[in-house]
Amino acid sequence: MPRPPRRLPAPAAMITAPQPEAVEAGTDVLRAGGNALDAVIACALTQGVVDPMMCGLGGLGVLHVHDPRTGKQTVLDGLSVSPAAAREDMWAADFLRECPDGFGHVIRGHANELGHEAVTAPGVLRILGDAHARWGRRPWASLLDPAIGHADGGWTVRPHVAAMFALDEAAYGRLPYLAKLSFTEDGKRLYVRPDGAPKRLGERVHNPDLAATLRLVATEGADTLYTGELARRIVAEIERGGGLLTAADLAGYRAEERTPIRLDYRGFTIATPPPPAGGIMIAQILRILSRFDLTALGHNTAAYVATVAEAMKVAGRDKDRHVGDPRFVTTPLDHLLSDAYADERAAAIRAGERIPLPRVGPHANAEAKETTTVSCVDADGMVVSLTHTLGLPSGVIPPGTGTMLNGGMNSYDPRPGRAASIGPGKRRFSTMSPTIVLDGAQPVATLGAPGGAWITVAIAQVLLNMLDWGMGVQEAISAPRFSATSDAIDISNRVPRAVERELAGMGYEVRRSPVPYAFAGVHGITMWDGVLEGGADPQRDGLAAGT
């Protein structure tokens, strides 16, 4: 029998994110005449309410915009900045090990992860404010209405939020989330049950303090967090707790406008954020793999997994050696993205060379998820993708604000003399990589992902699934993934056991995740032939919605 005809109208605009409440906020803004940037701002601010361990006003982010009026792609870097009082050797004597997934560092006492010393100058609200002044259409204050409504009226703990509240990352050397939820009295009141356990699936969270803070942001704009009333409250709490962040650190924060890395892959142009964001890793992986006929290897065969994994390890090794804040570290982009280097690395993979990527400390198999993302395409062809995070949430909620601050100091290397070492006023490296794919001058896809160290390898795999294998965006996102961010290859639980045995026979350490959908949570939209299709990773709670 013939397939039944599609009855749903083709959407003129689309948004995708891991939280249904946030997607609804974005679609409401689109229906009210807002553009993609307006929708992403409303979505992101709502995410900070209903996914409070993932993101918030005290977080950091990277925004990527395609402006159809100019045909230009622009990256706004809102990554956090270490306090001016930070010193390269401040935790050198306390260093214990790297987290085995490559996401953060473990020191005695966890001061770089939990508490006031862990807090860096946040950037996400600054880039949202700057972007709105440049590209926004709807009034700024109106974009905060959905977030204020959820904070005032309350929201229900969803499956992924419940999983995060109960998450224990001891296997990675990181603290359980309960320690962060209960670090302050405000946190206990908001997120912890009377029996001391975190709130559970289906329970409600009411946060009127955050609603009041968001109203302050609506009236004072982003400046309130940097030079206004919210800044004063944050600095007072940091001083009380013995942290490093000062009023001067906040007042001096500036978003950085950057030109995306652009590379050709299979005839398409990939535009992805440059350092200190993670697009360099995606670019290197694709540059190396463009030298292979991947479809001849077979999708997710042992040969395919090994080839792609070695490209991932090259990118991971080079990131560790060379990538950091461009003001402090000279990253040899011309070399890392050159034809000669891609040819050299591809030849080494063909010859069976294994790239060592050791992590200092024991290995484990779990997933860091402390980030979120949103992508939107509007009827005028504007494409906006934002990934934002608290890093590792610090647990610090300044009294009466209802918002948790980032724990960004965990991402700096406590060992001096390295590309990612601690430094005063230094932007942290992040794997966040909101990416846009173009066919000539026309955008045809956008992707973003939360997922710590797995963001870049996950986005690269989804791009391979779409551009090499011809998958639709939801199929490309849902296909089984694997990861190589250390010497081992991690595989999701839907990769066949026969492939695992064959990889082990090739000499690889293979670690099977119990999770069927693992290694970051990719969300994206494609625009092939002008038809919008959205995809949302099944491991999260969100969706893609058109209007």
Protein backbone atom coordinates (compact mmCIF):
# COMPACT_ATOMS: atom_id res chain seq x y z
CA MET A 1 0.00 0.00 0.00
CA PRO A 2 1.22 3.56 -0.62
CA ARG A 3 2.41 5.60 2.32
CA PRO A 4 -0.34 7.88 3.73
CA PRO A 5 0.14 11.50 2.68
CA ARG A 6 1.50 13.94 5.23
CA ARG A 7 -1.31 16.05 6.67
CA LEU A 8 0.71 18.36 8.94
CA PRO A 9 1.49 21.76 7.47
CA ALA A 10 5.14 22.43 6.67
CA PRO A 11 6.60 24.66 9.40
CA ALA A 12 7.97 28.08 8.50
CA ALA A 13 10.15 28.20 11.63
CA MET A 14 11.49 25.60 14.06
CA ILE A 15 13.19 25.37 17.43
CA THR A 16 14.72 22.41 19.28
CA ALA A 17 16.00 22.07 22.86
CA PRO A 18 16.24 19.45 25.62
CA GLN A 19 13.39 20.96 27.71
CA PRO A 20 9.73 21.06 26.55
CA GLU A 21 8.96 24.18 28.58
CA ALA A 22 11.83 26.00 26.89
CA VAL A 23 10.75 24.89 23.42
CA GLU A 24 7.24 26.18 24.16
CA ALA A 25 8.71 29.53 25.22
CA GLY A 26 10.56 29.75 21.91
CA THR A 27 7.59 28.82 19.76
CA ASP A 28 5.40 31.35 21.59
CA VAL A 29 7.92 34.08 20.75
CA LEU A 30 8.04 33.00 17.10
CA ARG A 31 4.24 33.11 16.88
CA ALA A 32 4.26 36.59 18.44
CA GLY A 33 6.47 37.89 15.63
CA GLY A 34 9.88 37.34 17.17
CA ASN A 35 12.81 36.13 15.14
CA ALA A 36 15.12 33.18 15.80
CA LEU A 37 17.36 35.20 18.10
CA ASP A 38 14.39 36.34 20.21
CA ALA A 39 13.15 32.75 20.43
CA VAL A 40 16.56 31.44 21.50
CA ILE A 41 16.83 34.09 24.24
CA ALA A 42 13.38 33.23 25.63
CA CYS A 43 14.21 29.53 25.41
CA ALA A 44 17.61 29.93 27.11
CA LEU A 45 16.24 31.98 29.99
CA THR A 46 13.50 29.41 30.53
CA GLN A 47 16.10 26.63 30.47
CA GLY A 48 17.81 28.34 33.39
CA VAL A 49 14.60 28.00 35.42
CA VAL A 50 13.54 24.45 34.55
CA ASP A 51 17.02 22.89 34.22
CA PRO A 52 18.84 24.68 37.04
CA MET A 53 21.88 22.39 37.23
CA MET A 54 22.52 22.72 33.51
CA CYS A 55 22.49 26.47 33.00
CA GLY A 56 21.39 29.82 34.35
CA LEU A 57 22.13 33.52 34.65
CA GLY A 58 25.43 32.71 36.36
CA GLY A 59 26.61 30.51 33.49
CA LEU A 60 28.62 30.73 30.29
CA GLY A 61 27.86 30.10 26.65
CA VAL A 62 28.69 30.28 22.96
CA LEU A 63 26.21 31.75 20.45
CA HIS A 64 26.40 31.23 16.68
CA VAL A 65 24.23 33.36 14.37
CA HIS A 66 23.65 33.25 10.62
CA ASP A 67 22.21 36.62 9.57
CA PRO A 68 20.30 36.21 6.28
CA ARG A 69 20.56 39.95 5.58
CA THR A 70 24.34 39.77 5.28
CA GLY A 71 24.90 36.06 4.70
CA LYS A 72 27.47 36.20 7.51
CA GLN A 73 28.01 33.79 10.39
CA THR A 74 29.10 35.33 13.70
CA VAL A 75 30.18 33.67 16.95
CA LEU A 76 29.71 35.49 20.26
CA ASP A 77 31.99 33.99 22.90
CA GLY A 78 30.45 34.22 26.37
CA LEU A 79 32.82 31.76 28.02
CA SER A 80 33.60 32.54 31.62
CA VAL A 81 36.75 34.34 32.74
CA SER A 82 38.84 33.48 35.78
CA PRO A 83 39.11 36.14 38.49
CA ALA A 84 42.03 38.57 38.37
CA ALA A 85 43.16 37.17 41.72
CA ALA A 86 43.58 33.63 40.30
CA ARG A 87 47.16 32.32 40.20
CA GLU A 88 48.64 29.65 37.99
CA ASP A 89 50.00 27.69 40.96
CA MET A 90 47.13 28.26 43.41
CA TRP A 91 46.11 24.59 43.47
CA ALA A 92 49.25 22.96 42.05
CA ALA A 93 50.10 21.22 45.33
CA ASP A 94 46.54 19.91 45.63
CA PHE A 95 46.26 18.39 42.14
CA LEU A 96 45.26 14.72 42.21
CA ARG A 97 44.25 13.75 38.68
CA GLU A 98 42.37 14.62 35.53
CA CYS A 99 38.79 13.49 35.27
CA PRO A 100 38.98 10.41 33.02
CA ASP A 101 36.56 11.80 30.45
CA GLY A 102 38.77 14.86 29.98
CA PHE A 103 36.16 17.14 31.62
CA GLY A 104 37.80 18.89 34.55
CA HIS A 105 40.43 18.26 37.21
CA VAL A 106 40.32 16.79 40.69
CA ILE A 107 42.05 18.57 43.58
CA ARG A 108 42.06 17.88 47.31
CA GLY A 109 39.04 19.44 48.93
CA HIS A 110 37.25 20.13 45.60
CA ALA A 111 37.59 23.91 45.96
CA ASN A 112 37.71 24.21 42.16
CA GLU A 113 34.31 22.52 41.90
CA LEU A 114 32.21 23.33 44.97
CA GLY A 115 31.91 26.64 46.72
CA HIS A 116 32.88 30.26 46.28
CA GLU A 117 36.43 29.77 44.98
CA ALA A 118 35.08 27.80 42.01
CA VAL A 119 33.10 30.73 40.59
CA THR A 120 34.28 32.55 37.46
CA ALA A 121 32.90 35.68 35.77
CA PRO A 122 29.78 34.48 33.89
CA GLY A 123 29.23 35.39 30.26
CA VAL A 124 25.94 33.98 28.98
CA LEU A 125 23.74 36.93 29.96
CA ARG A 126 26.20 39.35 28.37
CA ILE A 127 26.09 37.58 24.99
CA LEU A 128 22.30 37.36 25.10
CA GLY A 129 22.06 41.08 25.80
CA ASP A 130 24.61 41.99 23.14
CA ALA A 131 22.96 39.72 20.57
CA HIS A 132 19.52 41.16 21.27
CA ALA A 133 20.78 44.72 20.80
CA ARG A 134 22.21 43.68 17.43
CA TRP A 135 19.67 41.24 16.00
CA GLY A 136 16.62 41.16 18.28
CA ARG A 137 13.13 42.14 17.14
CA ARG A 138 10.85 41.78 20.17
CA PRO A 139 11.25 43.95 23.32
CA TRP A 140 13.87 42.53 25.70
CA ALA A 141 11.56 42.44 28.72
CA SER A 142 8.95 40.39 26.86
CA LEU A 143 11.47 37.62 26.29
CA LEU A 144 11.74 37.04 30.04
CA ASP A 145 8.02 36.52 30.57
CA PRO A 146 8.04 32.71 30.03
CA ALA A 147 10.95 32.21 32.43
CA ILE A 148 9.35 34.44 35.05
CA GLY A 149 6.11 32.51 34.69
CA HIS A 150 7.79 29.14 35.31
CA ALA A 151 9.80 30.48 38.25
CA ASP A 152 6.73 32.02 39.88
CA GLY A 153 4.19 29.34 39.00
CA GLY A 154 6.49 26.39 39.52
CA TRP A 155 7.63 23.54 37.31
CA THR A 156 7.70 19.76 37.52
CA VAL A 157 10.88 17.71 37.89
CA ARG A 158 11.29 15.82 34.59
CA PRO A 159 13.20 12.54 34.08
CA HIS A 160 16.51 14.12 33.09
CA VAL A 161 16.33 16.72 35.87
CA ALA A 162 15.62 13.96 38.40
CA ALA A 163 18.57 11.98 37.06
CA MET A 164 20.85 15.00 37.43
CA PHE A 165 19.64 15.78 40.94
CA ALA A 166 20.51 12.20 41.95
CA LEU A 167 23.74 11.99 39.93
CA ASP A 168 26.83 10.81 41.79
CA GLU A 169 30.00 11.44 39.77
CA ALA A 170 32.37 9.84 42.27
CA ALA A 171 33.62 7.51 39.54
CA TYR A 172 35.02 10.60 37.83
CA GLY A 173 36.37 12.20 40.99
CA ARG A 174 33.58 14.76 40.87
CA LEU A 175 31.13 15.41 43.69
CA PRO A 176 27.54 14.16 43.82
CA TYR A 177 24.97 16.70 42.78
CA LEU A 178 23.30 16.52 46.16
CA ALA A 179 26.37 18.27 47.59
CA LYS A 180 25.72 21.18 45.21
CA LEU A 181 21.95 21.24 45.69
CA SER A 182 22.37 21.39 49.46
CA PHE A 183 25.42 23.69 49.63
CA THR A 184 23.30 26.73 50.57
CA GLU A 185 20.13 27.09 52.58
CA ASP A 186 18.36 28.42 49.47
CA GLY A 187 19.44 25.34 47.53
CA LYS A 188 18.12 23.01 50.22
CA ARG A 189 14.80 24.81 50.28
CA LEU A 190 14.42 24.72 46.51
CA TYR A 191 15.71 21.30 45.54
CA VAL A 192 16.02 18.99 48.58
CA ARG A 193 13.28 17.02 50.35
CA PRO A 194 12.83 17.08 54.14
CA ASP A 195 14.47 13.64 54.32
CA GLY A 196 17.68 15.04 52.78
CA ALA A 197 17.21 13.42 49.38
CA PRO A 198 16.94 15.50 46.19
CA LYS A 199 13.49 16.17 44.81
CA ARG A 200 12.12 13.33 42.71
CA LEU A 201 10.40 12.85 39.41
CA GLY A 202 7.04 14.62 39.34
CA GLU A 203 7.65 16.88 42.34
CA ARG A 204 7.27 20.63 41.97
CA VAL A 205 9.84 23.40 42.28
CA HIS A 206 8.73 26.97 43.05
CA ASN A 207 11.40 29.67 42.83
CA PRO A 208 9.89 33.13 43.48
CA ASP A 209 13.37 34.54 44.26
CA LEU A 210 14.47 33.67 40.72
CA ALA A 211 11.30 35.26 39.34
CA ALA A 212 12.23 38.48 41.14
CA THR A 213 15.79 38.27 39.79
CA LEU A 214 14.49 37.77 36.26
CA ARG A 215 12.26 40.83 36.66
CA LEU A 216 15.40 42.73 37.61
CA VAL A 217 17.06 41.48 34.42
CA ALA A 218 13.96 42.52 32.47
CA THR A 219 14.13 46.09 33.74
CA GLU A 220 17.90 46.66 34.08
CA GLY A 221 18.97 44.44 31.19
CA ALA A 222 22.07 42.27 31.21
CA ASP A 223 24.01 45.08 32.93
CA THR A 224 22.41 44.17 36.25
CA LEU A 225 24.68 41.12 36.47
CA TYR A 226 27.82 43.08 35.66
CA THR A 227 27.44 46.55 37.20
CA GLY A 228 23.98 46.63 38.79
CA GLU A 229 21.98 45.24 41.67
CA LEU A 230 22.50 41.57 40.82
CA ALA A 231 26.26 42.13 40.59
CA ARG A 232 26.27 43.62 44.10
CA ARG A 233 24.44 40.62 45.51
CA ILE A 234 26.80 38.17 43.81
CA VAL A 235 29.95 39.99 44.96
CA ALA A 236 28.68 40.23 48.54
CA GLU A 237 28.12 36.48 48.66
CA ILE A 238 31.48 35.66 47.05
CA GLU A 239 33.27 37.90 49.56
CA ARG A 240 31.37 36.31 52.44
CA GLY A 241 32.46 32.84 51.29
CA GLY A 242 36.10 33.72 50.66
CA GLY A 243 35.96 33.47 46.88
CA LEU A 244 38.08 35.33 44.35
CA LEU A 245 35.52 36.99 42.05
CA THR A 246 35.26 40.78 42.52
CA ALA A 247 33.10 43.66 41.33
CA ALA A 248 35.92 44.63 38.98
CA ASP A 249 35.90 41.15 37.43
CA LEU A 250 32.19 41.44 36.67
CA ALA A 251 32.35 45.04 35.46
CA GLY A 252 35.26 44.22 33.18
CA TYR A 253 33.62 41.24 31.49
CA ARG A 254 33.18 41.58 27.74
CA ALA A 255 31.79 39.19 25.16
CA GLU A 256 34.23 38.37 22.35
CA GLU A 257 33.05 38.39 18.75
CA ARG A 258 34.82 35.70 16.76
CA THR A 259 34.87 34.53 13.16
CA PRO A 260 33.95 30.84 12.92
CA ILE A 261 36.31 28.23 11.60
CA ARG A 262 35.15 27.30 8.10
CA LEU A 263 36.09 24.06 6.38
CA ASP A 264 34.93 22.06 3.41
CA TYR A 265 33.57 18.58 4.03
CA ARG A 266 32.07 16.49 1.20
CA GLY A 267 31.25 19.70 -0.68
CA PHE A 268 29.54 21.42 2.26
CA THR A 269 30.91 24.25 4.38
CA ILE A 270 31.05 23.61 8.12
CA ALA A 271 31.12 26.78 10.25
CA THR A 272 32.04 26.08 13.86
CA PRO A 273 33.33 28.19 16.80
CA PRO A 274 37.10 28.79 17.10
CA PRO A 275 39.17 28.53 20.31
CA PRO A 276 38.65 28.74 23.16
CA ALA A 277 35.42 26.96 22.10
CA GLY A 278 35.53 23.39 20.81
CA GLY A 279 34.93 23.73 17.07
CA ILE A 280 38.62 23.18 16.35
CA MET A 281 38.16 19.56 17.44
CA ILE A 282 35.19 19.01 15.10
CA ALA A 283 37.15 20.62 12.28
CA GLN A 284 40.20 18.40 12.83
CA ILE A 285 38.11 15.23 13.01
CA LEU A 286 36.36 16.05 9.75
CA ARG A 287 39.55 17.19 8.00
CA ILE A 288 41.21 13.86 8.78
CA LEU A 289 38.17 11.74 7.94
CA SER A 290 37.66 13.49 4.60
CA ARG A 291 40.70 11.44 3.49
CA PHE A 292 38.73 8.18 3.94
CA ASP A 293 35.92 6.46 2.07
CA LEU A 294 33.92 5.93 5.24
CA THR A 295 30.93 4.36 3.55
CA ALA A 296 33.17 1.60 2.20
CA LEU A 297 33.97 0.64 5.81
CA GLY A 298 30.30 0.18 6.75
CA HIS A 299 28.42 2.21 9.34
CA ASN A 300 29.58 1.52 12.92
CA THR A 301 31.64 -1.51 11.93
CA ALA A 302 34.77 -2.14 13.94
CA ALA A 303 36.91 -0.69 11.14
CA TYR A 304 34.72 2.42 10.99
CA VAL A 305 34.71 2.91 14.77
CA ALA A 306 38.48 2.49 14.97
CA THR A 307 39.13 4.95 12.14
CA VAL A 308 36.81 7.63 13.52
CA ALA A 309 38.07 7.04 17.08
CA GLU A 310 41.67 7.65 16.05
CA ALA A 311 40.66 10.95 14.44
CA MET A 312 38.89 11.86 17.69
CA LYS A 313 42.05 11.06 19.65
CA VAL A 314 44.19 13.26 17.38
CA ALA A 315 41.83 16.16 18.04
CA GLY A 316 41.82 15.44 21.78
CA ARG A 317 45.60 15.27 21.99
CA ASP A 318 46.04 18.49 20.03
CA LYS A 319 43.42 20.23 22.18
CA ASP A 320 45.32 19.27 25.33
CA ARG A 321 48.61 20.49 23.88
CA HIS A 322 47.65 23.64 22.02
CA VAL A 323 44.16 25.05 22.65
CA GLY A 324 43.29 27.77 25.12
CA ASP A 325 42.42 31.45 25.45
CA PRO A 326 43.91 33.13 22.34
CA ARG A 327 45.15 36.03 24.49
CA PHE A 328 47.33 33.64 26.48
CA VAL A 329 47.99 30.73 24.12
CA THR A 330 48.92 30.75 20.44
CA THR A 331 46.99 27.89 18.89
CA PRO A 332 48.58 26.85 15.57
CA LEU A 333 45.29 26.74 13.68
CA ASP A 334 46.94 26.97 10.25
CA HIS A 335 48.98 23.85 11.00
CA LEU A 336 46.25 21.88 12.76
CA LEU A 337 43.81 22.46 9.87
CA SER A 338 46.32 22.19 7.03
CA ASP A 339 46.11 19.66 4.22
CA ALA A 340 49.58 18.44 5.06
CA TYR A 341 48.70 17.67 8.69
CA ALA A 342 45.40 16.01 7.77
CA ASP A 343 47.22 13.90 5.17
CA GLU A 344 49.88 12.95 7.72
CA ARG A 345 47.38 11.92 10.39
CA ALA A 346 45.19 10.01 7.92
CA ALA A 347 48.25 8.11 6.66
CA ALA A 348 49.22 7.24 10.22
CA ILE A 349 45.72 5.88 10.91
CA ARG A 350 45.88 3.76 7.74
CA ALA A 351 49.25 2.43 8.87
CA GLY A 352 47.73 1.30 12.18
CA GLU A 353 49.25 3.98 14.41
CA ARG A 354 47.44 4.43 17.72
CA ILE A 355 47.39 7.91 19.22
CA PRO A 356 48.06 7.79 22.97
CA LEU A 357 45.59 9.87 24.94
CA PRO A 358 46.19 8.97 28.60
CA ARG A 359 44.32 10.63 31.43
CA VAL A 360 46.09 11.07 34.76
CA GLY A 361 44.11 8.91 37.18
CA PRO A 362 41.71 5.96 36.99
CA HIS A 363 39.29 5.55 34.12
CA ALA A 364 35.56 5.30 34.50
CA ASN A 365 32.47 5.03 32.38
CA ALA A 366 29.77 7.60 32.98
CA GLU A 367 28.60 10.78 31.35
CA ALA A 368 28.97 14.45 32.22
CA LYS A 369 25.81 16.33 31.30
CA GLU A 370 26.17 19.78 32.86
CA THR A 371 25.23 21.80 29.76
CA THR A 372 22.25 22.53 27.52
CA THR A 373 21.61 23.78 24.01
CA VAL A 374 18.99 25.38 21.75
CA SER A 375 18.83 25.88 17.98
CA CYS A 376 16.29 27.85 15.97
CA VAL A 377 15.54 28.71 12.34
CA ASP A 378 12.95 31.37 11.50
CA ALA A 379 10.86 32.13 8.43
CA ASP A 380 13.36 34.75 7.22
CA GLY A 381 16.24 32.29 7.22
CA MET A 382 17.98 33.46 10.42
CA VAL A 383 19.76 30.52 12.08
CA VAL A 384 20.76 30.73 15.73
CA SER A 385 22.42 28.08 17.86
CA LEU A 386 23.38 28.53 21.51
CA THR A 387 25.08 26.14 23.90
CA HIS A 388 25.31 27.27 27.51
CA THR A 389 26.19 25.78 30.88
CA LEU A 390 27.16 26.23 34.50
CA GLY A 391 30.28 24.19 33.76
CA LEU A 392 30.14 22.19 36.93
CA PRO A 393 27.59 24.02 39.10
CA SER A 394 29.35 25.53 42.12
CA GLY A 395 26.44 25.10 44.52
CA VAL A 396 26.60 28.82 45.35
CA ILE A 397 23.20 30.55 45.28
CA PRO A 398 23.55 34.17 46.46
CA PRO A 399 20.81 34.64 49.06
CA GLY A 400 17.50 35.74 47.63
CA THR A 401 18.55 35.45 43.97
CA GLY A 402 17.32 31.90 43.28
CA THR A 403 20.10 31.32 40.74
CA MET A 404 23.16 29.09 41.07
CA LEU A 405 26.58 30.32 39.92
CA ASN A 406 28.99 28.43 37.70
CA GLY A 407 31.89 26.31 38.90
CA GLY A 408 34.07 27.21 35.93
CA MET A 409 37.41 27.01 37.76
CA ASN A 410 37.22 23.22 37.51
CA SER A 411 38.02 23.43 33.80
CA TYR A 412 41.38 25.13 34.32
CA ASP A 413 44.38 22.84 34.70
CA PRO A 414 45.91 23.21 38.20
CA ARG A 415 49.29 22.23 36.76
CA PRO A 416 51.30 25.28 35.67
CA GLY A 417 52.76 25.66 32.20
CA ARG A 418 49.94 24.12 30.19
CA ALA A 419 47.64 25.55 27.54
CA ALA A 420 44.66 25.34 29.92
CA SER A 421 46.49 26.33 33.12
CA ILE A 422 44.91 28.78 35.53
CA GLY A 423 45.62 32.43 34.77
CA PRO A 424 44.21 35.77 35.92
CA GLY A 425 41.52 37.00 33.54
CA LYS A 426 41.83 33.90 31.38
CA ARG A 427 38.91 32.49 29.36
CA ARG A 428 38.37 28.81 29.92
CA PHE A 429 38.38 26.26 27.11
CA SER A 430 35.02 24.70 26.37
CA THR A 431 33.93 21.91 24.06
CA MET A 432 30.70 23.83 23.34
CA SER A 433 30.41 23.99 19.55
CA PRO A 434 27.12 25.26 18.09
CA THR A 435 27.67 24.53 14.40
CA ILE A 436 26.09 25.62 11.11
CA VAL A 437 26.34 23.68 7.83
CA LEU A 438 26.06 25.54 4.51
CA ASP A 439 25.58 24.47 0.91
CA GLY A 440 27.28 27.34 -0.85
CA ALA A 441 25.91 30.43 0.90
CA GLN A 442 22.71 28.72 2.06
CA PRO A 443 22.45 27.19 5.57
CA VAL A 444 21.20 23.61 5.43
CA ALA A 445 21.69 22.45 9.03
CA THR A 446 22.53 23.56 12.53
CA LEU A 447 23.60 21.38 15.44
CA GLY A 448 24.43 21.86 19.10
CA ALA A 449 24.86 19.59 22.10
CA PRO A 450 25.33 19.43 25.84
CA GLY A 451 27.58 16.72 27.20
CA GLY A 452 30.94 17.91 28.54
CA ALA A 453 33.95 16.37 26.84
CA TRP A 454 31.66 14.38 24.51
CA ILE A 455 30.15 17.41 22.74
CA THR A 456 32.65 17.58 19.90
CA VAL A 457 32.82 13.86 19.17
CA ALA A 458 29.02 13.60 19.21
CA ILE A 459 28.47 16.53 16.84
CA ALA A 460 31.15 15.15 14.50
CA GLN A 461 29.38 11.77 14.39
CA VAL A 462 26.00 13.33 13.65
CA LEU A 463 27.59 15.33 10.83
CA LEU A 464 29.07 12.11 9.43
CA ASN A 465 25.68 10.43 9.70
CA MET A 466 24.05 13.22 7.71
CA LEU A 467 26.72 14.09 5.16
CA ASP A 468 28.32 10.69 4.52
CA TRP A 469 25.38 8.39 5.18
CA GLY A 470 22.45 10.57 4.09
CA MET A 471 20.50 10.17 7.31
CA GLY A 472 17.73 12.58 8.27
CA VAL A 473 18.47 14.70 11.30
CA GLN A 474 16.49 12.62 13.83
CA GLU A 475 17.94 9.36 12.51
CA ALA A 476 21.44 10.86 12.54
CA ILE A 477 21.03 11.96 16.15
CA SER A 478 19.47 8.68 17.30
CA ALA A 479 22.03 6.35 15.69
CA PRO A 480 24.31 4.55 18.20
CA ARG A 481 27.37 6.63 19.09
CA PHE A 482 30.84 5.97 20.46
CA SER A 483 33.57 8.15 21.91
CA ALA A 484 37.35 8.30 22.24
CA THR A 485 38.34 11.01 24.73
CA SER A 486 41.02 8.83 26.35
CA ASP A 487 42.99 5.71 25.39
CA ALA A 488 39.79 3.67 25.56
CA ILE A 489 36.87 3.59 23.15
CA ASP A 490 33.54 4.06 24.88
CA ILE A 491 30.49 2.61 23.11
CA SER A 492 26.79 3.01 23.76
CA ASN A 493 24.76 -0.05 24.71
CA ARG A 494 23.24 -0.34 21.21
CA VAL A 495 26.58 -0.95 19.49
CA PRO A 496 26.61 -4.71 18.73
CA ARG A 497 28.65 -6.99 20.97
CA ALA A 498 30.29 -8.44 17.86
CA VAL A 499 31.74 -5.01 17.09
CA GLU A 500 32.95 -4.73 20.68
CA ARG A 501 34.69 -8.11 20.43
CA GLU A 502 36.31 -7.18 17.13
CA LEU A 503 37.61 -3.88 18.52
CA ALA A 504 39.00 -5.72 21.56
CA GLY A 505 40.67 -8.16 19.16
CA MET A 506 42.33 -5.17 17.51
CA GLY A 507 43.91 -4.32 20.87
CA TYR A 508 41.53 -1.57 22.04
CA GLU A 509 40.23 -1.20 25.54
CA VAL A 510 36.48 -1.00 24.97
CA ARG A 511 34.08 0.27 27.63
CA ARG A 512 30.39 -0.41 27.13
CA SER A 513 28.04 2.18 28.59
CA PRO A 514 24.82 0.85 30.14
CA VAL A 515 23.07 3.81 28.50
CA PRO A 516 21.42 3.16 25.09
CA TYR A 517 21.66 6.82 24.03
CA ALA A 518 25.02 8.08 25.25
CA PHE A 519 27.79 10.61 24.66
CA ALA A 520 26.27 14.09 24.62
CA GLY A 521 22.72 15.11 23.70
CA VAL A 522 22.72 16.45 20.15
CA HIS A 523 19.82 18.62 18.96
CA GLY A 524 19.54 20.08 15.50
CA ILE A 525 17.53 21.32 12.54
CA THR A 526 18.00 20.68 8.82
CA MET A 527 16.74 22.84 5.98
CA TRP A 528 17.26 20.62 2.93
CA ASP A 529 15.44 22.12 -0.08
CA GLY A 530 13.90 24.68 2.26
CA VAL A 531 11.99 22.06 4.28
CA LEU A 532 12.58 22.28 8.04
CA GLU A 533 13.10 19.07 10.01
CA GLY A 534 14.15 18.94 13.63
CA GLY A 535 15.82 16.35 15.82
CA ALA A 536 16.09 15.95 19.59
CA ASP A 537 18.30 13.43 21.35
CA PRO A 538 16.18 10.68 22.95
CA GLN A 539 18.31 10.69 26.09
CA ARG A 540 16.98 14.14 27.07
CA ASP A 541 13.47 15.41 27.75
CA GLY A 542 13.06 17.79 24.84
CA LEU A 543 11.74 18.00 21.32
CA ALA A 544 11.80 19.92 18.07
CA ALA A 545 8.73 22.01 17.34
CA GLY A 546 7.72 23.93 14.24
CA THR A 547 5.40 26.86 13.79
